[in-house]
Amino acid sequence: MARSKEFPKVEEHTHQRASKSMQPDDVCCLLFKQVQKPQNYTMCKAINIYDNKYRINVYTKHEEDGFIKQRIYDSYFVKVNETGSLEILMGEDSHVESKTKKHKMW
């Protein structure tokens, strides 16, 4: 049956297709192609925020007061492009900047 003007064909956007097929582990792999894994790396968690944008937390372990603790070493806000490549929107080397910069709330 041919489509009429009353029922136009609805096409899915390419950025939605890319984000639906992308797994969190894939996003972490893409990140580590651009950013070196930190010393004492333990894990990476990628969380889909919306559409093709992700929050990535990179965890490391360290010893404090005789205990081995795990903490977020760095956090990234990234976008997976239509081609499947990763674009870092915020967070690259933020652990270095946060030690030297004073952040103002207003």
C-alpha atoms as a PDB file:
ATOM      1  CA  MET A   1       0.000   0.000   0.000  1.00  0.00           C
ATOM      2  CA  ALA A   2       1.420   3.384  -1.007  1.00  0.00           C
ATOM      3  CA  ARG A   3       1.794   6.097   1.597  1.00  0.00           C
ATOM      4  CA  SER A   4      -0.480   9.071   1.226  1.00  0.00           C
ATOM      5  CA  LYS A   5       0.127  12.663   2.274  1.00  0.00           C
ATOM      6  CA  GLU A   6      -1.927  11.972   5.397  1.00  0.00           C
ATOM      7  CA  PHE A   7       0.615   9.401   6.659  1.00  0.00           C
ATOM      8  CA  PRO A   8       4.115  10.594   5.792  1.00  0.00           C
ATOM      9  CA  LYS A   9       7.028   8.245   6.310  1.00  0.00           C
ATOM     10  CA  VAL A  10       8.720   8.857   9.654  1.00  0.00           C
ATOM     11  CA  GLU A  11      12.490   8.352   9.605  1.00  0.00           C
ATOM     12  CA  GLU A  12      14.621   7.672  12.630  1.00  0.00           C
ATOM     13  CA  HIS A  13      17.515  10.075  13.245  1.00  0.00           C
ATOM     14  CA  THR A  14      20.997   8.615  12.819  1.00  0.00           C
ATOM     15  CA  HIS A  15      22.210   9.870  16.224  1.00  0.00           C
ATOM     16  CA  GLN A  16      19.431   7.921  17.909  1.00  0.00           C
ATOM     17  CA  ARG A  17      20.426   4.736  16.090  1.00  0.00           C
ATOM     18  CA  ALA A  18      24.051   5.125  17.150  1.00  0.00           C
ATOM     19  CA  SER A  19      23.163   5.581  20.814  1.00  0.00           C
ATOM     20  CA  LYS A  20      20.749   2.640  20.846  1.00  0.00           C
ATOM     21  CA  SER A  21      23.384   0.230  19.553  1.00  0.00           C
ATOM     22  CA  MET A  22      26.252   1.607  21.681  1.00  0.00           C
ATOM     23  CA  GLN A  23      26.995  -0.324  24.872  1.00  0.00           C
ATOM     24  CA  PRO A  24      28.623   1.321  27.940  1.00  0.00           C
ATOM     25  CA  ASP A  25      31.744  -0.869  27.565  1.00  0.00           C
ATOM     26  CA  ASP A  26      32.088   0.305  23.956  1.00  0.00           C
ATOM     27  CA  VAL A  27      32.003   3.943  25.094  1.00  0.00           C
ATOM     28  CA  CYS A  28      34.802   3.287  27.615  1.00  0.00           C
ATOM     29  CA  CYS A  29      36.899   1.609  24.900  1.00  0.00           C
ATOM     30  CA  LEU A  30      36.429   4.653  22.664  1.00  0.00           C
ATOM     31  CA  LEU A  31      37.504   6.922  25.527  1.00  0.00           C
ATOM     32  CA  PHE A  32      40.735   5.005  26.113  1.00  0.00           C
ATOM     33  CA  LYS A  33      41.648   5.365  22.453  1.00  0.00           C
ATOM     34  CA  GLN A  34      41.893   9.125  23.119  1.00  0.00           C
ATOM     35  CA  VAL A  35      42.910   9.264  26.802  1.00  0.00           C
ATOM     36  CA  GLN A  36      45.543   7.193  28.567  1.00  0.00           C
ATOM     37  CA  LYS A  37      44.386   4.927  31.393  1.00  0.00           C
ATOM     38  CA  PRO A  38      45.533   6.299  34.758  1.00  0.00           C
ATOM     39  CA  GLN A  39      47.945   4.508  37.056  1.00  0.00           C
ATOM     40  CA  ASN A  40      46.111   2.125  39.444  1.00  0.00           C
ATOM     41  CA  TYR A  41      43.093   2.004  37.086  1.00  0.00           C
ATOM     42  CA  THR A  42      40.314  -0.279  38.345  1.00  0.00           C
ATOM     43  CA  MET A  43      37.260   0.314  36.164  1.00  0.00           C
ATOM     44  CA  CYS A  44      35.290   2.597  33.886  1.00  0.00           C
ATOM     45  CA  LYS A  45      31.525   3.216  34.000  1.00  0.00           C
ATOM     46  CA  ALA A  46      29.635   4.883  31.171  1.00  0.00           C
ATOM     47  CA  ILE A  47      26.053   6.012  31.745  1.00  0.00           C
ATOM     48  CA  ASN A  48      23.786   7.158  28.942  1.00  0.00           C
ATOM     49  CA  ILE A  49      22.397  10.546  29.954  1.00  0.00           C
ATOM     50  CA  TYR A  50      20.266  11.257  26.887  1.00  0.00           C
ATOM     51  CA  ASP A  51      20.354  10.597  23.141  1.00  0.00           C
ATOM     52  CA  ASN A  52      24.009   9.967  22.288  1.00  0.00           C
ATOM     53  CA  LYS A  53      25.567  11.712  25.299  1.00  0.00           C
ATOM     54  CA  TYR A  54      27.272   9.827  28.130  1.00  0.00           C
ATOM     55  CA  ARG A  55      28.806  10.495  31.537  1.00  0.00           C
ATOM     56  CA  ILE A  56      31.967   8.408  31.976  1.00  0.00           C
ATOM     57  CA  ASN A  57      33.584   7.894  35.376  1.00  0.00           C
ATOM     58  CA  VAL A  58      37.094   6.430  35.524  1.00  0.00           C
ATOM     59  CA  TYR A  59      37.978   4.797  38.863  1.00  0.00           C
ATOM     60  CA  THR A  60      41.372   4.175  40.465  1.00  0.00           C
ATOM     61  CA  LYS A  61      42.438   2.521  43.696  1.00  0.00           C
ATOM     62  CA  HIS A  62      44.683   4.077  46.329  1.00  0.00           C
ATOM     63  CA  GLU A  63      45.750   3.338  49.866  1.00  0.00           C
ATOM     64  CA  GLU A  64      44.602   5.583  52.676  1.00  0.00           C
ATOM     65  CA  ASP A  65      44.897   4.897  56.427  1.00  0.00           C
ATOM     66  CA  GLY A  66      45.897   1.295  55.728  1.00  0.00           C
ATOM     67  CA  PHE A  67      42.838   0.639  53.560  1.00  0.00           C
ATOM     68  CA  ILE A  68      42.628   0.190  49.789  1.00  0.00           C
ATOM     69  CA  LYS A  69      40.010   2.645  48.564  1.00  0.00           C
ATOM     70  CA  GLN A  70      38.467   3.236  45.195  1.00  0.00           C
ATOM     71  CA  ARG A  71      37.615   6.705  43.929  1.00  0.00           C
ATOM     72  CA  ILE A  72      36.660   8.561  40.785  1.00  0.00           C
ATOM     73  CA  TYR A  73      39.906   9.688  39.191  1.00  0.00           C
ATOM     74  CA  ASP A  74      38.277  11.585  36.334  1.00  0.00           C
ATOM     75  CA  SER A  75      34.830  12.174  34.909  1.00  0.00           C
ATOM     76  CA  TYR A  76      33.940  12.946  31.294  1.00  0.00           C
ATOM     77  CA  PHE A  77      30.869  14.153  29.456  1.00  0.00           C
ATOM     78  CA  VAL A  78      31.047  12.786  25.923  1.00  0.00           C
ATOM     79  CA  LYS A  79      29.074  12.543  22.726  1.00  0.00           C
ATOM     80  CA  VAL A  80      29.069   9.574  20.349  1.00  0.00           C
ATOM     81  CA  ASN A  81      28.937  10.967  16.818  1.00  0.00           C
ATOM     82  CA  GLU A  82      26.898   9.487  13.985  1.00  0.00           C
ATOM     83  CA  THR A  83      30.046   7.797  12.660  1.00  0.00           C
ATOM     84  CA  GLY A  84      30.620   6.039  16.001  1.00  0.00           C
ATOM     85  CA  SER A  85      33.531   8.244  17.052  1.00  0.00           C
ATOM     86  CA  LEU A  86      33.748   9.792  20.501  1.00  0.00           C
ATOM     87  CA  GLU A  87      33.893  13.539  21.152  1.00  0.00           C
ATOM     88  CA  ILE A  88      34.881  14.692  24.653  1.00  0.00           C
ATOM     89  CA  LEU A  89      32.688  17.669  25.535  1.00  0.00           C
ATOM     90  CA  MET A  90      33.901  18.216  29.119  1.00  0.00           C
ATOM     91  CA  GLY A  91      36.364  16.661  31.501  1.00  0.00           C
ATOM     92  CA  GLU A  92      39.622  16.077  29.674  1.00  0.00           C
ATOM     93  CA  ASP A  93      42.414  16.455  32.236  1.00  0.00           C
ATOM     94  CA  SER A  94      39.911  17.908  34.720  1.00  0.00           C
ATOM     95  CA  HIS A  95      41.733  16.278  37.671  1.00  0.00           C
ATOM     96  CA  VAL A  96      44.758  18.466  36.897  1.00  0.00           C
ATOM     97  CA  GLU A  97      42.724  21.650  36.365  1.00  0.00           C
ATOM     98  CA  SER A  98      40.707  21.249  39.551  1.00  0.00           C
ATOM     99  CA  LYS A  99      43.887  21.336  41.658  1.00  0.00           C
ATOM    100  CA  THR A 100      45.067  24.624  40.160  1.00  0.00           C
ATOM    101  CA  LYS A 101      41.812  26.453  39.424  1.00  0.00           C
ATOM    102  CA  LYS A 102      39.398  27.882  41.931  1.00  0.00           C
ATOM    103  CA  HIS A 103      35.828  27.388  40.797  1.00  0.00           C
ATOM    104  CA  LYS A 104      33.364  30.171  41.442  1.00  0.00           C
ATOM    105  CA  MET A 105      29.697  29.455  41.913  1.00  0.00           C
ATOM    106  CA  TRP A 106      28.472  32.826  40.610  1.00  0.00           C
END
